Protein backbone atom coordinates (compact mmCIF):
# COMPACT_ATOMS: atom_id res chain seq x y z
CA MET A 1 96.39 136.39 41.95
CA ARG A 2 98.57 140.12 42.43
CA CYS A 3 97.06 143.23 40.32
CA ARG A 4 100.41 143.46 38.26
CA ASP A 5 99.74 139.72 37.18
CA TYR A 6 96.62 140.27 34.95
CA CYS A 7 95.51 142.82 32.53
CA ILE A 8 94.12 145.65 34.03
CA GLY A 9 94.86 144.79 37.58
CA ARG A 10 94.01 147.18 40.01
CA GLU A 11 93.65 145.24 43.90
CA VAL A 12 93.97 141.55 44.09
CA LEU A 13 92.20 139.38 42.10
CA ARG A 14 90.73 135.72 43.70
CA LEU A 15 89.08 133.70 40.70
CA LYS A 16 87.72 130.18 41.35
CA VAL A 17 88.96 129.15 37.81
CA SER A 18 86.05 127.47 35.47
CA TYR A 19 87.53 127.30 31.55
CA VAL A 20 91.14 127.40 30.35
CA PRO A 21 90.93 127.10 26.57
CA ARG A 22 92.00 123.56 25.08
CA TYR A 23 94.83 126.21 22.60
CA ALA A 24 96.89 127.50 26.26
CA ASN A 25 99.92 127.76 26.07
CA PHE A 26 101.91 128.00 28.68
CA LEU A 27 105.43 127.14 28.66
CA ALA A 28 105.59 129.48 24.85
CA SER A 29 102.36 132.52 25.95
CA ARG A 30 102.99 135.39 28.00
CA TRP A 31 99.19 136.13 28.72
CA VAL A 32 96.87 133.86 29.13
CA ARG A 33 92.87 134.15 29.04
CA LEU A 34 91.36 132.53 31.62
CA GLU A 35 87.35 132.90 33.14
CA GLY A 36 85.98 132.41 35.80
CA LEU A 37 84.09 133.44 39.29
CA GLU A 38 85.60 135.64 40.62
CA LEU A 39 85.55 135.38 44.40
CA ARG A 40 85.28 138.35 47.22
CA PRO A 41 88.09 138.96 50.16
CA ASP A 42 86.30 136.58 51.64
CA GLY A 43 86.26 133.81 49.80
CA THR A 44 81.87 134.25 48.54
CA PRO A 45 80.97 134.18 44.96
CA TRP A 46 80.85 137.92 43.00
CA ARG A 47 80.95 137.55 39.43
CA GLU A 48 81.81 136.28 36.20
CA ARG A 49 84.79 137.08 34.78
CA VAL A 50 87.46 136.64 32.09
CA VAL A 51 90.53 138.05 32.36
CA MET A 52 94.21 137.87 30.81
CA VAL A 53 96.95 136.45 33.17
CA ARG A 54 100.88 136.59 32.94
CA ALA A 55 101.37 132.45 32.32
CA GLN A 56 104.61 133.18 34.48
CA ALA A 57 101.96 133.42 37.34
CA ILE A 58 100.50 130.90 36.19
CA ARG A 59 103.79 128.62 36.73
CA ASP A 60 104.53 130.19 39.59
CA ALA A 61 101.21 129.22 41.60
CA ARG A 62 100.72 126.15 43.49
CA PRO A 63 99.48 123.45 42.07
CA ILE A 64 95.34 123.17 42.59
CA ARG A 65 93.02 120.17 42.35
CA PRO A 66 90.25 120.94 39.90
CA GLU A 67 86.92 120.39 41.34
CA PRO A 68 84.26 118.32 39.55
CA GLY A 69 81.95 120.66 36.20
CA VAL A 70 84.70 122.75 36.20
CA ARG A 71 84.59 122.79 32.07
CA GLU A 72 86.57 122.17 28.52
CA ARG A 73 85.50 123.51 25.35
């Protein structure tokens, strides 16, 4: 994700999303809260993150099938 597509972005963010709030409305919202595991540039796990992401960036992203273990609250 480009740095302009998430709050306080300073560099490209690679996030393996583990949680999307049930109330997330990607069509009506400008920003959506996501939780996930931040990945280093080489793809290895780094740290858990909570980020506010532009909903348009999510709509524009190519779809990726969720892996088993993605939780829903």
